[in-house]
Protein backbone atom coordinates (compact mmCIF):
# COMPACT_ATOMS: atom_id res chain seq x y z
CA UNK A 1 154.05 110.24 85.69
CA UNK A 2 150.59 109.50 84.65
CA UNK A 3 151.35 105.91 83.49
CA UNK A 4 153.69 105.04 86.28
CA UNK A 5 152.83 102.18 88.63
CA UNK A 6 152.08 102.89 92.23
CA UNK A 7 155.44 101.45 93.20
CA UNK A 8 157.22 103.78 90.82
CA UNK A 9 155.47 106.83 92.15
CA UNK A 10 156.39 105.91 95.64
CA UNK A 11 160.14 105.49 94.65
CA UNK A 12 160.13 108.84 92.92
CA UNK A 13 158.54 110.53 95.91
CA UNK A 14 161.08 108.81 98.33
CA UNK A 15 163.88 110.16 95.97
CA UNK A 16 162.61 113.63 96.60
CA UNK A 17 162.29 113.15 100.27
CA UNK A 18 158.62 112.45 100.58
CA UNK A 19 157.15 109.49 102.43
CA UNK A 20 153.98 107.87 101.04
CA UNK A 21 152.57 104.46 100.57
CA UNK A 22 151.21 102.70 97.47
CA UNK A 23 147.80 102.80 99.05
CA UNK A 24 147.76 106.55 99.03
CA UNK A 25 148.54 106.50 95.22
CA UNK A 26 145.74 104.12 94.48
CA UNK A 27 143.32 106.23 96.59
CA UNK A 28 144.11 109.46 94.86
CA UNK A 29 143.91 107.75 91.47
CA UNK A 30 140.48 106.32 92.45
CA UNK A 31 139.17 109.68 93.65
CA UNK A 32 140.38 111.27 90.48
CA UNK A 33 138.50 108.79 88.29
CA UNK A 34 135.39 109.18 90.45
CA UNK A 35 135.40 112.90 89.86
CA UNK A 36 135.75 112.32 86.13
CA UNK A 37 132.81 114.23 84.87
CA UNK A 38 133.32 117.15 87.24
CA UNK A 39 136.97 117.49 86.33
CA UNK A 40 135.91 118.37 82.72
CA UNK A 41 133.85 121.34 84.03
CA UNK A 42 130.33 122.33 83.42
CA UNK A 43 127.04 120.69 83.70
CA UNK A 44 126.05 117.69 81.53
CA UNK A 45 123.80 118.64 78.70
CA UNK A 46 120.15 117.98 79.40
CA UNK A 47 120.41 118.13 83.19
CA UNK A 48 117.51 119.12 85.21
CA UNK A 49 118.72 122.50 86.11
CA UNK A 50 119.12 123.58 82.59
CA UNK A 51 116.13 125.95 82.69
CA UNK A 52 117.66 127.72 85.77
CA UNK A 53 121.02 128.08 83.92
CA UNK A 54 119.24 129.78 80.99
CA UNK A 55 117.31 132.01 83.16
CA UNK A 56 120.55 133.05 85.07
CA UNK A 57 121.66 134.27 81.62
CA UNK A 58 118.48 136.20 80.89
CA UNK A 59 116.94 133.59 78.61
CA UNK A 60 113.44 132.93 79.68
CA UNK A 61 111.33 130.02 78.64
CA UNK A 62 107.50 130.39 78.53
CA UNK A 63 107.04 127.05 80.36
CA UNK A 64 109.26 128.15 83.15
CA UNK A 65 107.40 131.53 83.49
CA UNK A 66 104.15 129.61 83.89
CA UNK A 67 105.79 127.37 86.44
CA UNK A 68 106.82 130.36 88.37
CA UNK A 69 103.22 131.65 88.31
CA UNK A 70 101.93 128.35 89.48
CA UNK A 71 104.56 128.18 92.23
CA UNK A 72 103.46 131.66 93.44
CA UNK A 73 99.78 130.70 93.53
CA UNK A 74 100.66 127.55 95.49
CA UNK A 75 102.88 129.31 97.94
CA UNK A 76 100.92 132.62 98.43
CA UNK A 77 97.41 131.63 97.49
CA UNK A 78 95.49 132.36 94.28
CA UNK A 79 93.68 135.37 95.76
CA UNK A 80 96.94 137.15 96.37
CA UNK A 81 98.19 136.39 93.00
CA UNK A 82 94.95 137.57 91.42
CA UNK A 83 95.04 140.75 93.43
CA UNK A 84 98.61 141.45 92.38
CA UNK A 85 97.63 141.01 88.70
CA UNK A 86 94.81 143.46 89.19
CA UNK A 87 97.32 145.95 90.70
CA UNK A 88 99.71 145.37 87.84
CA UNK A 89 96.82 146.00 85.32
CA UNK A 90 96.04 149.30 86.96
CA UNK A 91 99.55 150.47 87.08
CA UNK A 92 100.05 149.86 83.25
CA UNK A 93 96.57 151.39 82.48
CA UNK A 94 94.56 148.33 81.46
């Protein structure tokens, strides 16, 4: 009954033995409209978390990789990151 009025929905519910009020019908419809974009599923194109979604699928972006390196340097200190890079070079023979 998607095009039924709230009164019609209440009458149909009463015929099936359910008790509800028109206010509940309005509230449910309003909530359904508010969720509109989520009900379709998926994240909107161009959302802020798009790089994370790509990374989760194994697709890496160069800018994202540099951002990770920058975040590590800010969190752990540049000296630790540089020491790790030196260890990495030794382990691969550079």
